[in-house]
Amino acid sequence: MYMKTSHIIKDFSHVLKKIRNNMLKSGLHTKCTRILTLPYQYQIHWQMFIDFFRRDQQNGLQLHRQITNDHLFPDSQLKMRNYFAEDMLNLEMPHAMKMYKNSLGEKGDVLKSTAPVSKSHNTDKISHQIVKV
């Protein structure tokens, strides 16, 4: 008997959107349905990005100017937009999160988990690292 094998290949923008949507659900709040955990037990909570955004808004020289409330609190329709996910996981985010982590001192150690999510200058490496999450 001959069987055909099918393969599904998603475009990179769609993969980023799926990852961002899963990150939105990760945390300790009542609306969160999971906790994303990386190797070495680092956890990713969406609240980390919200806290970064609020602190960055108070900074005159914002580290990541593209992020808005719509990025952090998307409604059902905004969750469908690829560019919101791309903005959240673009190459500016690792630098911004690193600076935010450093500004928190010892308390910033909880942000170690955000580095692997978006740390790379090569989209192939990003997708490889993110898929491991």
N, C-alpha and C. Protein backbone atom coordinates (compact mmCIF):
# COMPACT_ATOMS: atom_id res chain seq x y z
N MET A 1 0.84 -1.18 0.00
CA MET A 1 0.00 0.00 0.00
C MET A 1 0.89 1.25 0.00
N TYR A 2 0.59 2.19 -0.85
CA TYR A 2 1.36 3.41 -0.98
C TYR A 2 0.71 4.53 -0.15
N MET A 3 1.50 5.17 0.73
CA MET A 3 0.98 6.27 1.56
C MET A 3 1.79 7.52 1.28
N LYS A 4 1.10 8.61 1.11
CA LYS A 4 1.77 9.89 0.92
C LYS A 4 1.98 10.56 2.27
N THR A 5 3.07 11.24 2.39
CA THR A 5 3.37 11.99 3.61
C THR A 5 3.18 13.46 3.33
N SER A 6 2.49 14.14 4.21
CA SER A 6 2.28 15.58 4.08
C SER A 6 3.13 16.31 5.10
N HIS A 7 3.65 17.45 4.71
CA HIS A 7 4.44 18.29 5.60
C HIS A 7 3.82 19.68 5.62
N ILE A 8 3.71 20.23 6.80
CA ILE A 8 3.18 21.58 6.94
C ILE A 8 4.35 22.50 7.26
N ILE A 9 4.51 23.54 6.47
CA ILE A 9 5.57 24.51 6.69
C ILE A 9 4.92 25.87 6.90
N LYS A 10 5.19 26.46 8.04
CA LYS A 10 4.63 27.77 8.34
C LYS A 10 5.67 28.85 8.06
N ASP A 11 5.20 29.98 7.63
CA ASP A 11 6.12 31.08 7.39
C ASP A 11 6.62 31.64 8.72
N PHE A 12 7.76 32.28 8.67
CA PHE A 12 8.43 32.75 9.89
C PHE A 12 7.56 33.73 10.67
N SER A 13 6.87 34.62 9.99
CA SER A 13 6.00 35.58 10.67
C SER A 13 4.90 34.87 11.45
N HIS A 14 4.37 33.82 10.87
CA HIS A 14 3.33 33.06 11.55
C HIS A 14 3.88 32.35 12.78
N VAL A 15 5.10 31.83 12.69
CA VAL A 15 5.74 31.18 13.83
C VAL A 15 5.94 32.19 14.96
N LEU A 16 6.42 33.39 14.63
CA LEU A 16 6.59 34.42 15.66
C LEU A 16 5.26 34.76 16.32
N LYS A 17 4.22 34.85 15.53
CA LYS A 17 2.90 35.17 16.08
C LYS A 17 2.43 34.07 17.03
N LYS A 18 2.63 32.82 16.66
CA LYS A 18 2.24 31.70 17.52
C LYS A 18 3.03 31.73 18.83
N ILE A 19 4.31 32.03 18.75
CA ILE A 19 5.14 32.10 19.96
C ILE A 19 4.67 33.25 20.85
N ARG A 20 4.46 34.41 20.24
CA ARG A 20 3.98 35.56 21.02
C ARG A 20 2.64 35.24 21.68
N ASN A 21 1.74 34.60 20.97
CA ASN A 21 0.43 34.26 21.54
C ASN A 21 0.57 33.29 22.71
N ASN A 22 1.52 32.36 22.63
CA ASN A 22 1.76 31.46 23.75
C ASN A 22 2.42 32.20 24.92
N MET A 23 3.27 33.17 24.61
CA MET A 23 3.88 33.97 25.68
C MET A 23 2.82 34.81 26.38
N LEU A 24 1.83 35.29 25.61
CA LEU A 24 0.74 36.07 26.21
C LEU A 24 0.01 35.27 27.30
N LYS A 25 -0.06 33.96 27.11
CA LYS A 25 -0.78 33.09 28.05
C LYS A 25 0.11 32.60 29.18
N SER A 26 1.38 32.99 29.19
CA SER A 26 2.33 32.47 30.17
C SER A 26 2.49 33.43 31.34
N GLY A 27 2.26 32.92 32.54
CA GLY A 27 2.45 33.75 33.72
C GLY A 27 1.67 33.22 34.90
N LEU A 28 1.62 34.02 35.95
CA LEU A 28 1.00 33.61 37.20
C LEU A 28 -0.37 34.23 37.42
N HIS A 29 -0.81 35.10 36.53
CA HIS A 29 -2.11 35.76 36.70
C HIS A 29 -3.25 34.79 36.39
N THR A 30 -4.44 35.15 36.81
CA THR A 30 -5.59 34.27 36.63
C THR A 30 -5.92 34.02 35.16
N LYS A 31 -5.62 34.96 34.28
CA LYS A 31 -5.90 34.78 32.85
C LYS A 31 -4.85 33.91 32.15
N CYS A 32 -3.73 33.67 32.81
CA CYS A 32 -2.66 32.87 32.21
C CYS A 32 -2.99 31.39 32.35
N THR A 33 -2.75 30.67 31.27
CA THR A 33 -3.09 29.24 31.26
C THR A 33 -1.86 28.34 31.27
N ARG A 34 -0.67 28.92 31.25
CA ARG A 34 0.55 28.12 31.24
C ARG A 34 1.73 28.93 31.73
N ILE A 35 2.82 28.23 31.97
CA ILE A 35 4.09 28.88 32.29
C ILE A 35 5.13 28.29 31.35
N LEU A 36 5.63 29.10 30.43
CA LEU A 36 6.67 28.64 29.51
C LEU A 36 7.97 28.54 30.28
N THR A 37 8.60 27.39 30.20
CA THR A 37 9.83 27.15 30.94
C THR A 37 10.92 26.72 29.97
N LEU A 38 12.05 27.41 30.05
CA LEU A 38 13.21 27.10 29.22
C LEU A 38 14.16 26.19 30.00
N PRO A 39 15.22 25.70 29.34
CA PRO A 39 16.21 24.93 30.09
C PRO A 39 16.74 25.72 31.29
N TYR A 40 17.20 25.03 32.28
CA TYR A 40 17.69 25.61 33.53
C TYR A 40 16.56 26.25 34.32
N GLN A 41 15.33 25.86 34.01
CA GLN A 41 14.13 26.29 34.74
C GLN A 41 13.84 27.78 34.63
N TYR A 42 14.39 28.46 33.63
CA TYR A 42 14.03 29.86 33.41
C TYR A 42 12.61 29.91 32.89
N GLN A 43 11.83 30.81 33.45
CA GLN A 43 10.43 30.93 33.05
C GLN A 43 10.21 32.25 32.32
N ILE A 44 9.29 32.21 31.37
CA ILE A 44 8.90 33.42 30.65
C ILE A 44 7.48 33.77 31.06
N HIS A 45 7.32 34.96 31.59
CA HIS A 45 6.01 35.47 31.98
C HIS A 45 5.75 36.73 31.15
N TRP A 46 4.56 36.85 30.62
CA TRP A 46 4.23 38.03 29.82
C TRP A 46 4.36 39.30 30.65
N GLN A 47 4.18 39.18 31.95
CA GLN A 47 4.30 40.33 32.84
C GLN A 47 5.69 40.98 32.76
N MET A 48 6.70 40.20 32.43
CA MET A 48 8.06 40.76 32.28
C MET A 48 8.08 41.83 31.19
N PHE A 49 7.38 41.57 30.11
CA PHE A 49 7.35 42.52 29.00
C PHE A 49 6.49 43.73 29.35
N ILE A 50 5.42 43.51 30.10
CA ILE A 50 4.58 44.62 30.55
C ILE A 50 5.36 45.53 31.48
N ASP A 51 6.09 44.93 32.43
CA ASP A 51 6.90 45.73 33.37
C ASP A 51 7.97 46.52 32.64
N PHE A 52 8.61 45.86 31.65
CA PHE A 52 9.61 46.57 30.84
C PHE A 52 8.98 47.77 30.14
N PHE A 53 7.83 47.56 29.51
CA PHE A 53 7.15 48.62 28.77
C PHE A 53 6.82 49.80 29.69
N ARG A 54 6.27 49.52 30.85
CA ARG A 54 5.90 50.61 31.77
C ARG A 54 7.13 51.40 32.21
N ARG A 55 8.22 50.70 32.47
CA ARG A 55 9.45 51.39 32.87
C ARG A 55 10.01 52.18 31.68
N ASP A 56 9.95 51.61 30.50
CA ASP A 56 10.49 52.27 29.31
C ASP A 56 9.69 53.53 28.98
N GLN A 57 8.39 53.52 29.25
CA GLN A 57 7.55 54.69 29.00
C GLN A 57 7.96 55.88 29.87
N GLN A 58 8.52 55.60 31.03
CA GLN A 58 8.97 56.66 31.94
C GLN A 58 10.34 57.21 31.54
N ASN A 59 11.02 56.48 30.67
CA ASN A 59 12.36 56.85 30.24
C ASN A 59 12.27 57.82 29.06
N GLY A 60 12.94 58.94 29.16
CA GLY A 60 12.93 59.91 28.07
C GLY A 60 13.54 59.36 26.79
N LEU A 61 14.54 58.51 26.93
CA LEU A 61 15.18 57.87 25.79
C LEU A 61 14.73 56.41 25.74
N GLN A 62 13.56 56.21 25.20
CA GLN A 62 12.98 54.87 25.21
C GLN A 62 13.87 53.88 24.47
N LEU A 63 13.96 52.67 25.02
CA LEU A 63 14.78 51.62 24.42
C LEU A 63 14.07 50.93 23.26
N HIS A 64 12.75 50.86 23.31
CA HIS A 64 12.00 50.17 22.26
C HIS A 64 10.75 51.00 21.96
N ARG A 65 10.87 51.89 21.00
CA ARG A 65 9.82 52.87 20.73
C ARG A 65 8.62 52.31 19.98
N GLN A 66 8.74 51.13 19.39
CA GLN A 66 7.64 50.58 18.61
C GLN A 66 6.55 49.97 19.48
N ILE A 67 6.86 49.62 20.69
CA ILE A 67 5.91 48.91 21.54
C ILE A 67 4.84 49.86 22.06
N THR A 68 3.58 49.43 21.96
CA THR A 68 2.45 50.21 22.44
C THR A 68 1.57 49.31 23.32
N ASN A 69 0.54 49.89 23.90
CA ASN A 69 -0.42 49.10 24.67
C ASN A 69 -1.06 48.01 23.81
N ASP A 70 -1.26 48.29 22.53
CA ASP A 70 -1.84 47.29 21.63
C ASP A 70 -0.95 46.06 21.50
N HIS A 71 0.36 46.25 21.59
CA HIS A 71 1.28 45.12 21.53
C HIS A 71 1.15 44.24 22.77
N LEU A 72 0.97 44.86 23.90
CA LEU A 72 0.97 44.13 25.18
C LEU A 72 -0.39 43.60 25.59
N PHE A 73 -1.43 44.28 25.17
CA PHE A 73 -2.79 43.89 25.54
C PHE A 73 -3.66 43.78 24.28
N PRO A 74 -3.26 42.90 23.36
CA PRO A 74 -4.00 42.81 22.09
C PRO A 74 -5.37 42.16 22.26
N ASP A 75 -6.34 42.70 21.55
CA ASP A 75 -7.65 42.04 21.52
C ASP A 75 -7.57 40.91 20.49
N SER A 76 -8.65 40.22 20.29
CA SER A 76 -8.65 39.07 19.37
C SER A 76 -8.21 39.45 17.97
N GLN A 77 -8.63 40.61 17.51
CA GLN A 77 -8.29 41.04 16.16
C GLN A 77 -6.81 41.39 16.04
N LEU A 78 -6.27 42.07 17.05
CA LEU A 78 -4.85 42.46 17.01
C LEU A 78 -3.92 41.25 17.13
N LYS A 79 -4.38 40.20 17.79
CA LYS A 79 -3.56 38.99 17.90
C LYS A 79 -3.31 38.36 16.53
N MET A 80 -4.15 38.67 15.58
CA MET A 80 -4.01 38.10 14.24
C MET A 80 -2.98 38.85 13.39
N ARG A 81 -2.56 40.01 13.82
CA ARG A 81 -1.62 40.84 13.05
C ARG A 81 -0.18 40.38 13.29
N ASN A 82 0.48 39.95 12.25
CA ASN A 82 1.86 39.47 12.37
C ASN A 82 2.81 40.54 12.85
N TYR A 83 2.63 41.76 12.38
CA TYR A 83 3.62 42.78 12.70
C TYR A 83 3.67 43.12 14.19
N PHE A 84 2.59 42.90 14.92
CA PHE A 84 2.64 43.13 16.37
C PHE A 84 3.58 42.12 17.03
N ALA A 85 3.51 40.89 16.60
CA ALA A 85 4.41 39.85 17.13
C ALA A 85 5.85 40.13 16.70
N GLU A 86 6.03 40.53 15.45
CA GLU A 86 7.37 40.84 14.95
C GLU A 86 7.99 41.99 15.73
N ASP A 87 7.20 43.01 16.05
CA ASP A 87 7.71 44.12 16.85
C ASP A 87 8.15 43.67 18.24
N MET A 88 7.38 42.76 18.84
CA MET A 88 7.72 42.28 20.19
C MET A 88 8.97 41.41 20.20
N LEU A 89 9.21 40.70 19.13
CA LEU A 89 10.33 39.75 19.11
C LEU A 89 11.41 40.14 18.12
N ASN A 90 11.48 41.42 17.78
CA ASN A 90 12.48 41.84 16.81
C ASN A 90 13.85 42.00 17.48
N LEU A 91 14.82 42.46 16.72
CA LEU A 91 16.20 42.53 17.21
C LEU A 91 16.44 43.63 18.24
N GLU A 92 15.49 44.55 18.42
CA GLU A 92 15.64 45.57 19.45
C GLU A 92 15.33 45.02 20.84
N MET A 93 14.48 44.00 20.91
CA MET A 93 14.02 43.50 22.20
C MET A 93 15.13 42.92 23.07
N PRO A 94 16.08 42.11 22.55
CA PRO A 94 17.10 41.58 23.47
C PRO A 94 17.93 42.68 24.10
N HIS A 95 18.28 43.70 23.31
CA HIS A 95 19.06 44.81 23.87
C HIS A 95 18.24 45.56 24.92
N ALA A 96 16.99 45.83 24.60
CA ALA A 96 16.12 46.55 25.54
C ALA A 96 15.94 45.77 26.83
N MET A 97 15.70 44.46 26.73
CA MET A 97 15.51 43.65 27.94
C MET A 97 16.81 43.54 28.74
N LYS A 98 17.94 43.49 28.05
CA LYS A 98 19.23 43.44 28.75
C LYS A 98 19.45 44.73 29.54
N MET A 99 19.16 45.86 28.92
CA MET A 99 19.32 47.15 29.62
C MET A 99 18.35 47.24 30.80
N TYR A 100 17.13 46.77 30.61
CA TYR A 100 16.15 46.76 31.68
C TYR A 100 16.62 45.85 32.82
N LYS A 101 17.12 44.66 32.47
CA LYS A 101 17.64 43.72 33.46
C LYS A 101 18.77 44.36 34.27
N ASN A 102 19.70 45.01 33.58
CA ASN A 102 20.82 45.65 34.27
C ASN A 102 20.35 46.77 35.18
N SER A 103 19.32 47.48 34.79
CA SER A 103 18.82 48.59 35.61
C SER A 103 18.16 48.10 36.90
N LEU A 104 17.75 46.85 36.92
CA LEU A 104 17.10 46.28 38.11
C LEU A 104 18.09 45.72 39.12
N GLY A 105 19.36 45.64 38.75
CA GLY A 105 20.36 45.08 39.65
C GLY A 105 20.13 43.60 39.88
N GLU A 106 20.24 43.16 41.14
CA GLU A 106 20.07 41.74 41.46
C GLU A 106 18.66 41.24 41.15
N LYS A 107 17.68 42.11 41.26
CA LYS A 107 16.30 41.71 40.94
C LYS A 107 16.14 41.36 39.47
N GLY A 108 17.05 41.83 38.64
CA GLY A 108 16.98 41.59 37.20
C GLY A 108 17.28 40.16 36.79
N ASP A 109 17.78 39.34 37.71
CA ASP A 109 18.09 37.95 37.37
C ASP A 109 16.87 37.17 36.88
N VAL A 110 15.69 37.57 37.29
CA VAL A 110 14.48 36.86 36.83
C VAL A 110 14.27 37.03 35.32
N LEU A 111 14.94 38.02 34.72
CA LEU A 111 14.77 38.27 33.29
C LEU A 111 15.74 37.47 32.42
N LYS A 112 16.52 36.58 33.00
CA LYS A 112 17.44 35.77 32.20
C LYS A 112 16.71 34.99 31.12
N SER A 113 15.49 34.64 31.38
CA SER A 113 14.73 33.82 30.43
C SER A 113 14.34 34.57 29.17
N THR A 114 14.32 35.89 29.20
CA THR A 114 13.89 36.63 28.01
C THR A 114 14.96 36.68 26.94
N ALA A 115 16.22 36.47 27.29
CA ALA A 115 17.30 36.55 26.31
C ALA A 115 17.19 35.51 25.20
N PRO A 116 17.00 34.23 25.51
CA PRO A 116 16.94 33.25 24.41
C PRO A 116 15.75 33.43 23.48
N VAL A 117 14.72 34.09 23.93
CA VAL A 117 13.52 34.23 23.11
C VAL A 117 13.81 35.09 21.88
N SER A 118 14.60 36.13 22.03
CA SER A 118 14.78 37.02 20.89
C SER A 118 16.24 37.38 20.63
N LYS A 119 17.17 36.65 21.22
CA LYS A 119 18.58 37.01 21.13
C LYS A 119 19.24 36.40 19.90
N SER A 120 19.39 37.19 18.87
CA SER A 120 20.12 36.76 17.69
C SER A 120 20.05 37.85 16.63
N HIS A 121 21.02 37.86 15.75
CA HIS A 121 20.97 38.79 14.63
C HIS A 121 20.62 38.05 13.35
N ASN A 122 20.31 36.78 13.46
CA ASN A 122 20.01 35.95 12.30
C ASN A 122 18.64 35.31 12.52
N THR A 123 17.73 35.52 11.60
CA THR A 123 16.37 35.01 11.80
C THR A 123 16.33 33.49 11.85
N ASP A 124 17.27 32.81 11.17
CA ASP A 124 17.30 31.34 11.25
C ASP A 124 17.63 30.91 12.67
N LYS A 125 18.57 31.60 13.30
CA LYS A 125 18.92 31.26 14.68
C LYS A 125 17.77 31.58 15.61
N ILE A 126 17.09 32.69 15.37
CA ILE A 126 15.95 33.04 16.22
C ILE A 126 14.89 31.95 16.14
N SER A 127 14.55 31.55 14.93
CA SER A 127 13.49 30.56 14.80
C SER A 127 13.92 29.24 15.42
N HIS A 128 15.19 28.89 15.32
CA HIS A 128 15.68 27.66 15.91
C HIS A 128 15.59 27.72 17.44
N GLN A 129 15.99 28.86 18.01
CA GLN A 129 15.95 29.02 19.46
C GLN A 129 14.51 29.07 19.97
N ILE A 130 13.65 29.76 19.26
CA ILE A 130 12.28 29.92 19.72
C ILE A 130 11.52 28.61 19.66
N VAL A 131 11.73 27.84 18.62
CA VAL A 131 11.00 26.59 18.49
C VAL A 131 11.31 25.66 19.64
N LYS A 132 12.50 25.76 20.24
CA LYS A 132 12.86 24.93 21.38
C LYS A 132 12.02 25.26 22.60
N VAL A 133 11.48 26.48 22.69
CA VAL A 133 10.66 26.88 23.81
C VAL A 133 9.46 25.99 23.86
